[in-house]
Amino acid sequence: MFNYLRKRFNSHIRERSRRRARLVSKDGRCNIEFGNVEQSRFVFLIDIWTTILDLRWRYKMTIFISAFLGSWFLFGLLWYVVAYIHKDLPEFNPSINHTPCVENINGLTSAFLFSLETQVTIGYGFRCVTEQCATAIFLLIFQSILGVIINSFMCGAILAKISRSKNRAKTITFSKNAVISKRGGKLCLLIRVANLRKSLLIGSHIYGKLLKTTITPEGETIILDQVNIEFVVDAGNENLFFISPLTIYHIIDKNSPFFHMAAETILQQDFELVVFLDGTVEATSATCQVRTSYIPEEVLWGYRFAPIVSKTKEGKYRVDFQNFSKTVAVETPHCAFCLYNEKEAKAKEKKGYDNPGFVLSEVNETSDTQM
């Protein structure tokens, strides 16, 4: 019992360590950290628009609220200073004939309220600027212009965050596992992908990258070395008609990095297969990218996907997503090399064989016969 628990614990630790080393999560997020960056973080402020868009919602809303409250309070202080310098406040006991710069500013609170009314263009009519002070007129113009800029930037950033094509990618899903089985007489790695919306992705393109650690002939160790993986469907991998779930496959031939893997050794490999789907959103014409990844434990050798599309009696096509990631065991060669040799042997059996020791000798026939 103790040995069993120890084995389960060790396997759990190995699985967790492998998952921690994953570069791309199942939902497409990249697990990477930049350290010792020599450039100053000021460069991120130069591209402030992208920086704001990449922020999480809690930080974005904090900046949104702080920008408005901060500008209202700052200009409230400036309006209070204008009233203080012009001696418009009640503590200066202004005369009856005194014309203030701003009507009905009695303190810091009323100055803050006037700043809010000015920037958001509420205009209650109780507080207003008079023609007495050029400074107040200039401050009113400056705050109005700055308020429009802040409103445009912050509202545009929130709208752009909501309408980003990254959110459209959440309605594209990949199968939980990849499978390896025969397809069209060839050993293939298959993955299923589905579009959960009825709107299409225009110009869709599917490709993959195999990430692994390699050692060059010069002895250099390359971590996260990238190898191209070509995925196709029966109609090609360009301009997919992505209205129903598709099964994409990679042919495991001599040029494939999976060629020298076998059913018994694939779990011992150290790789990560990252799959990308690029396309243009039909509704917004914005490009989006969906990605996911598979580690050796998620590649099932000797399985195929269960059928998912059927036709109803009414003539409609029905997609049953309950079988989307369901797999069925099938008879599959345990390695691509074995399948290749088997095909080569069968091809030789159909051909004739030459006997190198056979010599053709000519025989001279005579027409005369002796009785």
Foldseek 3Di string as FASTA:
>chain_A
DVVVVVVVVVVVVVVVVLVLPDQAAFFGDGDDDDPPDPDDPVVCVVVVLVVLLPDDPVVLVVCLVCVVLVLLLVQLVVQQVQCVVLVVEVVSVDDPPDDTQKPPDHHSVVSSVVSNCLLVVVCPPRIDGDPPDPVSVVSSVVSNVVSVVSVCSSVVSVVCNVPPCSVQLSQKHKAQFWEWADDPLFIKIKIKIAGNDQFDFFFKAKWKWKFAWDADPVGDIDGGDTDTFDKAFPVGRTGDPRRGMGMIITTQDPPDPQQPPFQVCLLVGFIKMKMKMWGAGPVPRHIDITIGIDHSVRYHYQKDFDDFWDADPVGDIGGHCVRRNPIDGHDHGGHNVVSVVVVVVVVVVVDDDDDPPDDDDDDDDDPDDDD
